[in-house]
Amino acid sequence: MTSLQQSMFELSLRLAFHEKRGDEFQVFFSRLMGLRYPTEFVATRPWGKLGDRKCDGYHPPTRTLFQCFAPNDVVLADTLGKMKEDFEGALPHRKAFWEHWVFVHNAPEGRLPTDVVQMLTKFQQDHPGITAKAWGFYALRNLALELTEVDLRSLLPSIPTPADFADLGLRDIKPVVDHLVSGEEPTEGQVTPPPPGKIAHNRLSQAAARELTLGMAYSRLLKQYLAALPDKTCGDRIAALFRAKYQMLATDGAEPDAVLAELFAFAAGPLRSGNLRRDAAVWTVLAYLFEHCEIFERPAEPGNVP
């Protein structure tokens, strides 16, 4: 696998990681583990009704239990309550089944609240002989990159290719824009390069640069659609919406590709369905906003102080 292919898969993994919640996240984790350990990982609960909701996966060779947690809305008290309930619910089966307990989550960049880390530490202190740890994006990334390319393509939807962008039309741009302007307002061309230095300045990956560059080539479709709308404020409203979202994510300290993944999920909203042409339309909207410096930072002009 080339370095560019690897970065493309990692970008696709980030999108899946940030988008999936609840049962969807658990199914995704089970598929990843099943591909990595096809004859060893048990996706079903190993002790049936007695362990209902106390185990989302089991790896017998290492005697490891996995518990997934990816709610739509994270409430610290609910997170701690679920951890305690699931861990204590699994304890009666410890001797027969497990000695390692893993809390699998999709917190951005793996940043868990201090209280969660302290609870994992307390589990270990109160029960000598067991380990309790958390797995976030980087743990899943390392597992995914151990897969063959065939298995990776099975796990992750393909990122749009130039052919998907070439087939774009106003019919694809319209649902994305309509979805965006319905939200609350906050207080065929030759491929052209991104704004000089902006990709490097913002430390985005090759894969992210590729999708943004492809999107810029078709941003005329977005301009054409916005120009035809009776409401001439739509473009400004979308820009304001994304400026606010970007500033919130950037302030939170997320890595550049993680910010882009969050913005993609935000732009796609309920439209995200693995439709490659629809995904290309979302990238086109993001590329337009990137090109016009509504999202990410503009590099300093020569001779100016940043």
C-alpha atoms as a PDB file:
ATOM      1  CA  MET A   1       0.000   0.000   0.000  1.00  0.00           C
ATOM      2  CA  THR A   2       1.402   3.410  -0.945  1.00  0.00           C
ATOM      3  CA  SER A   3       1.623   6.258   1.566  1.00  0.00           C
ATOM      4  CA  LEU A   4      -1.129   8.115  -0.328  1.00  0.00           C
ATOM      5  CA  GLN A   5      -3.410   5.061  -0.231  1.00  0.00           C
ATOM      6  CA  GLN A   6      -2.755   4.749   3.487  1.00  0.00           C
ATOM      7  CA  SER A   7      -3.625   8.394   4.079  1.00  0.00           C
ATOM      8  CA  MET A   8      -6.803   7.986   1.990  1.00  0.00           C
ATOM      9  CA  PHE A   9      -7.897   5.042   4.127  1.00  0.00           C
ATOM     10  CA  GLU A  10      -7.046   6.949   7.302  1.00  0.00           C
ATOM     11  CA  LEU A  11      -9.172   9.903   6.156  1.00  0.00           C
ATOM     12  CA  SER A  12     -12.039   7.513   5.384  1.00  0.00           C
ATOM     13  CA  LEU A  13     -11.604   5.932   8.822  1.00  0.00           C
ATOM     14  CA  ARG A  14     -11.757   9.362  10.459  1.00  0.00           C
ATOM     15  CA  LEU A  15     -15.039  10.091   8.689  1.00  0.00           C
ATOM     16  CA  ALA A  16     -16.536   6.782   9.845  1.00  0.00           C
ATOM     17  CA  PHE A  17     -15.184   7.267  13.373  1.00  0.00           C
ATOM     18  CA  HIS A  18     -16.733  10.739  13.749  1.00  0.00           C
ATOM     19  CA  GLU A  19     -20.071   9.911  12.125  1.00  0.00           C
ATOM     20  CA  LYS A  20     -21.094   6.653  13.756  1.00  0.00           C
ATOM     21  CA  ARG A  21     -23.033   6.681  17.008  1.00  0.00           C
ATOM     22  CA  GLY A  22     -24.708   4.122  19.235  1.00  0.00           C
ATOM     23  CA  ASP A  23     -25.331   0.729  17.666  1.00  0.00           C
ATOM     24  CA  GLU A  24     -23.762   1.884  14.379  1.00  0.00           C
ATOM     25  CA  PHE A  25     -20.441   2.453  16.145  1.00  0.00           C
ATOM     26  CA  GLN A  26     -20.633  -0.935  17.843  1.00  0.00           C
ATOM     27  CA  VAL A  27     -21.316  -2.664  14.508  1.00  0.00           C
ATOM     28  CA  PHE A  28     -18.395  -0.811  12.914  1.00  0.00           C
ATOM     29  CA  PHE A  29     -16.070  -1.846  15.742  1.00  0.00           C
ATOM     30  CA  SER A  30     -17.230  -5.464  15.496  1.00  0.00           C
ATOM     31  CA  ARG A  31     -16.598  -5.500  11.738  1.00  0.00           C
ATOM     32  CA  LEU A  32     -13.101  -4.091  12.239  1.00  0.00           C
ATOM     33  CA  MET A  33     -12.264  -6.648  14.925  1.00  0.00           C
ATOM     34  CA  GLY A  34     -13.821  -9.454  12.900  1.00  0.00           C
ATOM     35  CA  LEU A  35     -11.652  -8.601   9.901  1.00  0.00           C
ATOM     36  CA  ARG A  36      -8.533  -8.304  12.037  1.00  0.00           C
ATOM     37  CA  TYR A  37      -9.217 -11.476  14.067  1.00  0.00           C
ATOM     38  CA  PRO A  38     -11.537 -13.527  11.815  1.00  0.00           C
ATOM     39  CA  THR A  39     -11.262 -16.783  13.763  1.00  0.00           C
ATOM     40  CA  GLU A  40     -10.886 -15.309  17.246  1.00  0.00           C
ATOM     41  CA  PHE A  41     -13.103 -12.281  17.849  1.00  0.00           C
ATOM     42  CA  VAL A  42     -16.598 -12.970  19.210  1.00  0.00           C
ATOM     43  CA  ALA A  43     -19.023 -10.156  18.409  1.00  0.00           C
ATOM     44  CA  THR A  44     -21.885 -11.665  20.421  1.00  0.00           C
ATOM     45  CA  ARG A  45     -22.158 -11.521  24.198  1.00  0.00           C
ATOM     46  CA  PRO A  46     -20.393 -14.596  25.579  1.00  0.00           C
ATOM     47  CA  TRP A  47     -22.814 -15.318  28.405  1.00  0.00           C
ATOM     48  CA  GLY A  48     -26.193 -14.497  26.901  1.00  0.00           C
ATOM     49  CA  LYS A  49     -28.934 -12.918  28.993  1.00  0.00           C
ATOM     50  CA  LEU A  50     -26.854 -12.903  32.158  1.00  0.00           C
ATOM     51  CA  GLY A  51     -24.496 -10.431  30.539  1.00  0.00           C
ATOM     52  CA  ASP A  52     -27.020  -8.379  28.591  1.00  0.00           C
ATOM     53  CA  ARG A  53     -25.449  -5.068  27.576  1.00  0.00           C
ATOM     54  CA  LYS A  54     -22.313  -5.764  29.616  1.00  0.00           C
ATOM     55  CA  CYS A  55     -20.132  -6.923  26.716  1.00  0.00           C
ATOM     56  CA  ASP A  56     -19.965  -5.754  23.086  1.00  0.00           C
ATOM     57  CA  GLY A  57     -17.158  -8.061  22.031  1.00  0.00           C
ATOM     58  CA  TYR A  58     -14.834 -10.737  23.315  1.00  0.00           C
ATOM     59  CA  HIS A  59     -11.341 -11.871  22.296  1.00  0.00           C
ATOM     60  CA  PRO A  60     -10.734 -15.285  23.929  1.00  0.00           C
ATOM     61  CA  PRO A  61      -6.978 -15.633  23.231  1.00  0.00           C
ATOM     62  CA  THR A  62      -6.219 -12.512  25.283  1.00  0.00           C
ATOM     63  CA  ARG A  63      -9.236 -12.864  27.619  1.00  0.00           C
ATOM     64  CA  THR A  64     -10.379  -9.342  26.707  1.00  0.00           C
ATOM     65  CA  LEU A  65     -13.878  -7.859  26.923  1.00  0.00           C
ATOM     66  CA  PHE A  66     -14.848  -4.805  24.891  1.00  0.00           C
ATOM     67  CA  GLN A  67     -17.559  -2.284  25.727  1.00  0.00           C
ATOM     68  CA  CYS A  68     -18.492   0.336  23.112  1.00  0.00           C
ATOM     69  CA  PHE A  69     -19.796   3.779  23.954  1.00  0.00           C
ATOM     70  CA  ALA A  70     -20.642   6.405  21.313  1.00  0.00           C
ATOM     71  CA  PRO A  71     -23.798   8.317  22.289  1.00  0.00           C
ATOM     72  CA  ASN A  72     -25.287  11.140  20.228  1.00  0.00           C
ATOM     73  CA  ASP A  73     -24.945  13.469  23.193  1.00  0.00           C
ATOM     74  CA  VAL A  74     -22.167  12.915  25.705  1.00  0.00           C
ATOM     75  CA  VAL A  75     -23.171  13.540  29.316  1.00  0.00           C
ATOM     76  CA  LEU A  76     -20.394  12.854  31.812  1.00  0.00           C
ATOM     77  CA  ALA A  77     -22.680  11.439  34.482  1.00  0.00           C
ATOM     78  CA  ASP A  78     -24.255   9.051  31.954  1.00  0.00           C
ATOM     79  CA  THR A  79     -20.817   7.960  30.702  1.00  0.00           C
ATOM     80  CA  LEU A  80     -19.546   7.218  34.201  1.00  0.00           C
ATOM     81  CA  GLY A  81     -22.791   5.465  35.112  1.00  0.00           C
ATOM     82  CA  LYS A  82     -22.634   3.225  32.053  1.00  0.00           C
ATOM     83  CA  MET A  83     -18.977   2.376  32.642  1.00  0.00           C
ATOM     84  CA  LYS A  84     -19.674   1.396  36.245  1.00  0.00           C
ATOM     85  CA  GLU A  85     -22.780  -0.627  35.354  1.00  0.00           C
ATOM     86  CA  ASP A  86     -21.069  -2.510  32.514  1.00  0.00           C
ATOM     87  CA  PHE A  87     -17.860  -3.190  34.411  1.00  0.00           C
ATOM     88  CA  GLU A  88     -19.636  -4.411  37.543  1.00  0.00           C
ATOM     89  CA  GLY A  89     -22.040  -6.453  35.416  1.00  0.00           C
ATOM     90  CA  ALA A  90     -19.091  -8.268  33.875  1.00  0.00           C
ATOM     91  CA  LEU A  91     -17.299  -8.953  37.176  1.00  0.00           C
ATOM     92  CA  PRO A  92     -19.219 -12.172  38.028  1.00  0.00           C
ATOM     93  CA  HIS A  93     -17.820 -13.705  34.830  1.00  0.00           C
ATOM     94  CA  ARG A  94     -14.256 -12.500  35.332  1.00  0.00           C
ATOM     95  CA  LYS A  95     -12.710 -15.759  36.553  1.00  0.00           C
ATOM     96  CA  ALA A  96     -14.155 -17.820  33.718  1.00  0.00           C
ATOM     97  CA  PHE A  97     -13.815 -15.371  30.861  1.00  0.00           C
ATOM     98  CA  TRP A  98     -11.698 -12.255  31.189  1.00  0.00           C
ATOM     99  CA  GLU A  99      -8.931 -10.236  32.776  1.00  0.00           C
ATOM    100  CA  HIS A 100      -8.737  -7.255  30.416  1.00  0.00           C
ATOM    101  CA  TRP A 101     -11.623  -4.756  30.050  1.00  0.00           C
ATOM    102  CA  VAL A 102     -11.535  -2.199  27.210  1.00  0.00           C
ATOM    103  CA  PHE A 103     -13.768   0.875  26.948  1.00  0.00           C
ATOM    104  CA  VAL A 104     -14.070   1.643  23.205  1.00  0.00           C
ATOM    105  CA  HIS A 105     -15.178   5.213  22.486  1.00  0.00           C
ATOM    106  CA  ASN A 106     -15.200   7.811  19.722  1.00  0.00           C
ATOM    107  CA  ALA A 107     -14.261  10.904  21.700  1.00  0.00           C
ATOM    108  CA  PRO A 108     -12.461  13.327  19.337  1.00  0.00           C
ATOM    109  CA  GLU A 109      -8.710  12.661  19.264  1.00  0.00           C
ATOM    110  CA  GLY A 110      -9.130  10.254  22.176  1.00  0.00           C
ATOM    111  CA  ARG A 111      -9.519  13.097  24.664  1.00  0.00           C
ATOM    112  CA  LEU A 112     -11.490  11.573  27.531  1.00  0.00           C
ATOM    113  CA  PRO A 113     -12.645  13.554  30.574  1.00  0.00           C
ATOM    114  CA  THR A 114     -10.349  13.199  33.593  1.00  0.00           C
ATOM    115  CA  ASP A 115     -13.186  11.544  35.512  1.00  0.00           C
ATOM    116  CA  VAL A 116     -13.335   8.712  32.961  1.00  0.00           C
ATOM    117  CA  VAL A 117      -9.597   8.103  33.189  1.00  0.00           C
ATOM    118  CA  GLN A 118      -9.812   8.139  36.985  1.00  0.00           C
ATOM    119  CA  MET A 119     -12.630   5.577  36.915  1.00  0.00           C
ATOM    120  CA  LEU A 120     -10.570   3.230  34.736  1.00  0.00           C
ATOM    121  CA  THR A 121      -7.710   3.580  37.198  1.00  0.00           C
ATOM    122  CA  LYS A 122     -10.048   2.854  40.099  1.00  0.00           C
ATOM    123  CA  PHE A 123     -11.305  -0.317  38.406  1.00  0.00           C
ATOM    124  CA  GLN A 124      -7.730  -1.586  38.348  1.00  0.00           C
ATOM    125  CA  GLN A 125      -6.945  -0.503  41.893  1.00  0.00           C
ATOM    126  CA  ASP A 126     -10.075  -2.127  43.309  1.00  0.00           C
ATOM    127  CA  HIS A 127      -9.575  -5.377  41.393  1.00  0.00           C
ATOM    128  CA  PRO A 128      -5.899  -6.417  41.296  1.00  0.00           C
ATOM    129  CA  GLY A 129      -5.029  -8.652  38.383  1.00  0.00           C
ATOM    130  CA  ILE A 130      -7.243  -6.941  35.806  1.00  0.00           C
ATOM    131  CA  THR A 131      -6.473  -4.135  33.372  1.00  0.00           C
ATOM    132  CA  ALA A 132      -8.977  -1.459  32.374  1.00  0.00           C
ATOM    133  CA  LYS A 133      -8.110   0.812  29.485  1.00  0.00           C
ATOM    134  CA  ALA A 134      -9.693   2.983  26.807  1.00  0.00           C
ATOM    135  CA  TRP A 135      -9.448   2.617  23.028  1.00  0.00           C
ATOM    136  CA  GLY A 136     -10.090   5.639  20.832  1.00  0.00           C
ATOM    137  CA  PHE A 137      -9.315   6.655  17.265  1.00  0.00           C
ATOM    138  CA  TYR A 138      -5.622   5.802  17.269  1.00  0.00           C
ATOM    139  CA  ALA A 139      -6.147   2.306  18.673  1.00  0.00           C
ATOM    140  CA  LEU A 140      -8.713   1.598  15.938  1.00  0.00           C
ATOM    141  CA  ARG A 141      -6.453   3.220  13.325  1.00  0.00           C
ATOM    142  CA  ASN A 142      -3.583   0.916  14.233  1.00  0.00           C
ATOM    143  CA  LEU A 143      -5.847  -2.119  13.952  1.00  0.00           C
ATOM    144  CA  ALA A 144      -7.276  -0.971  10.613  1.00  0.00           C
ATOM    145  CA  LEU A 145      -3.856  -0.382   9.085  1.00  0.00           C
ATOM    146  CA  GLU A 146      -2.916  -3.983   9.924  1.00  0.00           C
ATOM    147  CA  LEU A 147      -5.654  -5.165   7.529  1.00  0.00           C
ATOM    148  CA  THR A 148      -5.049  -6.130   3.930  1.00  0.00           C
ATOM    149  CA  GLU A 149      -6.108  -3.604   1.315  1.00  0.00           C
ATOM    150  CA  VAL A 150      -9.001  -5.899   0.345  1.00  0.00           C
ATOM    151  CA  ASP A 151     -10.285  -5.958   3.920  1.00  0.00           C
ATOM    152  CA  LEU A 152      -9.810  -2.192   4.295  1.00  0.00           C
ATOM    153  CA  ARG A 153     -11.933  -1.586   1.203  1.00  0.00           C
ATOM    154  CA  SER A 154     -14.541  -3.910   2.684  1.00  0.00           C
ATOM    155  CA  LEU A 155     -14.581  -1.968   5.959  1.00  0.00           C
ATOM    156  CA  LEU A 156     -14.437   1.589   4.624  1.00  0.00           C
ATOM    157  CA  PRO A 157     -16.454   3.191   1.838  1.00  0.00           C
ATOM    158  CA  SER A 158     -14.315   4.488  -0.995  1.00  0.00           C
ATOM    159  CA  ILE A 159     -13.501   8.168  -0.920  1.00  0.00           C
ATOM    160  CA  PRO A 160     -14.803   9.910  -4.087  1.00  0.00           C
ATOM    161  CA  THR A 161     -12.543   9.613  -7.119  1.00  0.00           C
ATOM    162  CA  PRO A 162     -12.109  12.126  -9.980  1.00  0.00           C
ATOM    163  CA  ALA A 163     -14.789  10.183 -11.886  1.00  0.00           C
ATOM    164  CA  ASP A 164     -17.299  10.801  -9.092  1.00  0.00           C
ATOM    165  CA  PHE A 165     -16.561  14.531  -9.209  1.00  0.00           C
ATOM    166  CA  ALA A 166     -16.755  14.591 -13.005  1.00  0.00           C
ATOM    167  CA  ASP A 167     -20.322  13.281 -12.818  1.00  0.00           C
ATOM    168  CA  LEU A 168     -21.436  16.063 -10.455  1.00  0.00           C
ATOM    169  CA  GLY A 169     -24.365  18.250 -11.385  1.00  0.00           C
ATOM    170  CA  LEU A 170     -26.642  20.808  -9.756  1.00  0.00           C
ATOM    171  CA  ARG A 171     -28.892  17.917  -8.714  1.00  0.00           C
ATOM    172  CA  ASP A 172     -26.119  16.806  -6.339  1.00  0.00           C
ATOM    173  CA  ILE A 173     -25.256  20.258  -4.983  1.00  0.00           C
ATOM    174  CA  LYS A 174     -28.870  21.237  -4.279  1.00  0.00           C
ATOM    175  CA  PRO A 175     -29.631  18.803  -1.409  1.00  0.00           C
ATOM    176  CA  VAL A 176     -26.406  19.759   0.376  1.00  0.00           C
ATOM    177  CA  VAL A 177     -27.094  23.499   0.178  1.00  0.00           C
ATOM    178  CA  ASP A 178     -30.763  23.055   1.081  1.00  0.00           C
ATOM    179  CA  HIS A 179     -29.750  21.035   4.130  1.00  0.00           C
ATOM    180  CA  LEU A 180     -27.265  23.693   5.237  1.00  0.00           C
ATOM    181  CA  VAL A 181     -29.485  26.745   4.829  1.00  0.00           C
ATOM    182  CA  SER A 182     -32.276  25.020   6.758  1.00  0.00           C
ATOM    183  CA  GLY A 183     -30.162  25.161   9.924  1.00  0.00           C
ATOM    184  CA  GLU A 184     -30.087  27.989  12.423  1.00  0.00           C
ATOM    185  CA  GLU A 185     -27.924  30.955  11.501  1.00  0.00           C
ATOM    186  CA  PRO A 186     -25.167  31.597  14.117  1.00  0.00           C
ATOM    187  CA  THR A 187     -24.627  35.017  16.274  1.00  0.00           C
ATOM    188  CA  GLU A 188     -16.000  20.754 -15.753  1.00  0.00           C
ATOM    189  CA  GLY A 189     -12.986  22.568 -15.427  1.00  0.00           C
ATOM    190  CA  GLN A 190      -9.322  21.984 -15.097  1.00  0.00           C
ATOM    191  CA  VAL A 191      -8.209  21.086 -11.583  1.00  0.00           C
ATOM    192  CA  THR A 192      -6.788  24.190  -9.934  1.00  0.00           C
ATOM    193  CA  PRO A 193      -4.406  24.152  -6.975  1.00  0.00           C
ATOM    194  CA  PRO A 194      -5.542  25.193  -3.507  1.00  0.00           C
ATOM    195  CA  PRO A 195      -4.664  28.726  -2.315  1.00  0.00           C
ATOM    196  CA  PRO A 196      -0.857  28.877  -2.277  1.00  0.00           C
ATOM    197  CA  GLY A 197       0.523  27.421   0.921  1.00  0.00           C
ATOM    198  CA  LYS A 198      -2.822  26.946   2.642  1.00  0.00           C
ATOM    199  CA  ILE A 199      -2.799  23.136   2.656  1.00  0.00           C
ATOM    200  CA  ALA A 200       0.708  23.025   4.127  1.00  0.00           C
ATOM    201  CA  HIS A 201       0.012  25.935   6.490  1.00  0.00           C
ATOM    202  CA  ASN A 202      -2.910  24.020   8.016  1.00  0.00           C
ATOM    203  CA  ARG A 203      -1.005  20.697   8.119  1.00  0.00           C
ATOM    204  CA  LEU A 204      -3.661  18.776   6.187  1.00  0.00           C
ATOM    205  CA  SER A 205      -2.809  15.336   4.818  1.00  0.00           C
ATOM    206  CA  GLN A 206      -2.248  14.430   1.154  1.00  0.00           C
ATOM    207  CA  ALA A 207      -5.631  12.688   1.120  1.00  0.00           C
ATOM    208  CA  ALA A 208      -7.421  15.781   2.439  1.00  0.00           C
ATOM    209  CA  ALA A 209      -5.562  17.967  -0.067  1.00  0.00           C
ATOM    210  CA  ARG A 210      -6.615  15.654  -2.893  1.00  0.00           C
ATOM    211  CA  GLU A 211     -10.334  15.836  -2.082  1.00  0.00           C
ATOM    212  CA  LEU A 212     -10.275  19.602  -1.550  1.00  0.00           C
ATOM    213  CA  THR A 213      -8.399  20.154  -4.813  1.00  0.00           C
ATOM    214  CA  LEU A 214     -10.882  18.003  -6.740  1.00  0.00           C
ATOM    215  CA  GLY A 215     -13.742  19.887  -5.106  1.00  0.00           C
ATOM    216  CA  MET A 216     -12.318  23.273  -6.104  1.00  0.00           C
ATOM    217  CA  ALA A 217     -12.439  22.249  -9.759  1.00  0.00           C
ATOM    218  CA  TYR A 218     -16.228  21.959  -9.504  1.00  0.00           C
ATOM    219  CA  SER A 219     -16.976  24.828  -7.103  1.00  0.00           C
ATOM    220  CA  ARG A 220     -18.505  26.671 -10.079  1.00  0.00           C
ATOM    221  CA  LEU A 221     -21.546  24.409  -9.571  1.00  0.00           C
ATOM    222  CA  LEU A 222     -22.025  25.806  -6.077  1.00  0.00           C
ATOM    223  CA  LYS A 223     -21.568  29.378  -7.341  1.00  0.00           C
ATOM    224  CA  GLN A 224     -24.083  28.695 -10.102  1.00  0.00           C
ATOM    225  CA  TYR A 225     -26.630  27.245  -7.693  1.00  0.00           C
ATOM    226  CA  LEU A 226     -26.286  30.075  -5.142  1.00  0.00           C
ATOM    227  CA  ALA A 227     -26.530  32.716  -7.869  1.00  0.00           C
ATOM    228  CA  ALA A 228     -29.834  31.266  -9.075  1.00  0.00           C
ATOM    229  CA  LEU A 229     -31.463  31.321  -5.626  1.00  0.00           C
ATOM    230  CA  PRO A 230     -34.007  34.085  -4.927  1.00  0.00           C
ATOM    231  CA  ASP A 231     -32.543  34.488  -1.431  1.00  0.00           C
ATOM    232  CA  LYS A 232     -29.147  36.064  -2.061  1.00  0.00           C
ATOM    233  CA  THR A 233     -28.141  35.732   1.603  1.00  0.00           C
ATOM    234  CA  CYS A 234     -27.814  31.920   1.462  1.00  0.00           C
ATOM    235  CA  GLY A 235     -24.115  31.962   0.633  1.00  0.00           C
ATOM    236  CA  ASP A 236     -23.328  34.350   3.471  1.00  0.00           C
ATOM    237  CA  ARG A 237     -25.389  32.293   5.908  1.00  0.00           C
ATOM    238  CA  ILE A 238     -23.584  29.090   4.974  1.00  0.00           C
ATOM    239  CA  ALA A 239     -20.215  30.828   5.301  1.00  0.00           C
ATOM    240  CA  ALA A 240     -21.133  32.172   8.755  1.00  0.00           C
ATOM    241  CA  LEU A 241     -22.352  28.761   9.816  1.00  0.00           C
ATOM    242  CA  PHE A 242     -19.062  27.118   8.874  1.00  0.00           C
ATOM    243  CA  ARG A 243     -16.873  29.876  10.268  1.00  0.00           C
ATOM    244  CA  ALA A 244     -18.537  29.390  13.644  1.00  0.00           C
ATOM    245  CA  LYS A 245     -18.245  25.587  13.451  1.00  0.00           C
ATOM    246  CA  TYR A 246     -14.599  25.743  12.382  1.00  0.00           C
ATOM    247  CA  GLN A 247     -13.671  28.181  15.139  1.00  0.00           C
ATOM    248  CA  MET A 248     -15.300  25.940  17.737  1.00  0.00           C
ATOM    249  CA  LEU A 249     -13.411  22.864  16.490  1.00  0.00           C
ATOM    250  CA  ALA A 250     -10.091  24.669  16.123  1.00  0.00           C
ATOM    251  CA  THR A 251     -10.372  26.126  19.621  1.00  0.00           C
ATOM    252  CA  ASP A 252     -10.900  22.600  20.948  1.00  0.00           C
ATOM    253  CA  GLY A 253      -7.418  21.675  19.707  1.00  0.00           C
ATOM    254  CA  ALA A 254      -8.375  18.868  17.291  1.00  0.00           C
ATOM    255  CA  GLU A 255      -5.895  17.791  14.606  1.00  0.00           C
ATOM    256  CA  PRO A 256      -6.444  19.346  11.148  1.00  0.00           C
ATOM    257  CA  ASP A 257      -7.728  16.169   9.453  1.00  0.00           C
ATOM    258  CA  ALA A 258     -10.024  15.532  12.426  1.00  0.00           C
ATOM    259  CA  VAL A 259     -11.419  19.070  12.068  1.00  0.00           C
ATOM    260  CA  LEU A 260     -12.004  18.422   8.365  1.00  0.00           C
ATOM    261  CA  ALA A 261     -13.751  15.122   9.156  1.00  0.00           C
ATOM    262  CA  GLU A 262     -16.026  16.902  11.633  1.00  0.00           C
ATOM    263  CA  LEU A 263     -16.805  19.600   9.060  1.00  0.00           C
ATOM    264  CA  PHE A 264     -17.588  16.912   6.470  1.00  0.00           C
ATOM    265  CA  ALA A 265     -20.010  15.202   8.872  1.00  0.00           C
ATOM    266  CA  PHE A 266     -21.531  18.606   9.728  1.00  0.00           C
ATOM    267  CA  ALA A 267     -22.003  19.479   6.028  1.00  0.00           C
ATOM    268  CA  ALA A 268     -23.415  16.063   5.112  1.00  0.00           C
ATOM    269  CA  GLY A 269     -25.767  15.793   8.086  1.00  0.00           C
ATOM    270  CA  PRO A 270     -28.516  13.256   7.368  1.00  0.00           C
ATOM    271  CA  LEU A 271     -27.463  13.098   3.697  1.00  0.00           C
ATOM    272  CA  ARG A 272     -24.423  10.893   4.451  1.00  0.00           C
ATOM    273  CA  SER A 273     -25.218   7.480   3.027  1.00  0.00           C
ATOM    274  CA  GLY A 274     -22.138   6.170   1.245  1.00  0.00           C
ATOM    275  CA  ASN A 275     -23.318   7.690  -2.049  1.00  0.00           C
ATOM    276  CA  LEU A 276     -20.005   8.658  -3.656  1.00  0.00           C
ATOM    277  CA  ARG A 277     -21.452  11.404  -5.862  1.00  0.00           C
ATOM    278  CA  ARG A 278     -23.240  12.902  -2.876  1.00  0.00           C
ATOM    279  CA  ASP A 279     -19.998  12.755  -0.908  1.00  0.00           C
ATOM    280  CA  ALA A 280     -18.264  14.503  -3.820  1.00  0.00           C
ATOM    281  CA  ALA A 281     -20.883  17.266  -3.587  1.00  0.00           C
ATOM    282  CA  VAL A 282     -20.134  17.706   0.115  1.00  0.00           C
ATOM    283  CA  TRP A 283     -16.395  17.905  -0.625  1.00  0.00           C
ATOM    284  CA  THR A 284     -17.157  20.516  -3.263  1.00  0.00           C
ATOM    285  CA  VAL A 285     -18.965  22.691  -0.720  1.00  0.00           C
ATOM    286  CA  LEU A 286     -16.079  22.303   1.755  1.00  0.00           C
ATOM    287  CA  ALA A 287     -13.544  23.078  -1.000  1.00  0.00           C
ATOM    288  CA  TYR A 288     -15.404  26.275  -1.892  1.00  0.00           C
ATOM    289  CA  LEU A 289     -15.375  27.366   1.751  1.00  0.00           C
ATOM    290  CA  PHE A 290     -11.700  26.425   2.070  1.00  0.00           C
ATOM    291  CA  GLU A 291     -10.793  28.259  -1.119  1.00  0.00           C
ATOM    292  CA  HIS A 292     -12.532  31.419   0.088  1.00  0.00           C
ATOM    293  CA  CYS A 293     -10.928  31.152   3.539  1.00  0.00           C
ATOM    294  CA  GLU A 294     -14.180  30.670   5.442  1.00  0.00           C
ATOM    295  CA  ILE A 295     -12.644  27.565   7.060  1.00  0.00           C
ATOM    296  CA  PHE A 296      -9.040  26.932   8.110  1.00  0.00           C
ATOM    297  CA  GLU A 297      -6.382  29.592   8.409  1.00  0.00           C
ATOM    298  CA  ARG A 298      -5.033  31.734   5.605  1.00  0.00           C
ATOM    299  CA  PRO A 299      -1.224  31.700   5.367  1.00  0.00           C
ATOM    300  CA  ALA A 300       0.437  35.048   5.948  1.00  0.00           C
ATOM    301  CA  GLU A 301       0.982  37.198   2.894  1.00  0.00           C
ATOM    302  CA  PRO A 302       4.643  37.717   1.950  1.00  0.00           C
ATOM    303  CA  GLY A 303       6.021  40.652   3.848  1.00  0.00           C
ATOM    304  CA  ASN A 304       3.195  40.620   6.396  1.00  0.00           C
ATOM    305  CA  VAL A 305       3.377  39.432   9.964  1.00  0.00           C
ATOM    306  CA  PRO A 306       1.135  36.364  10.520  1.00  0.00           C
END
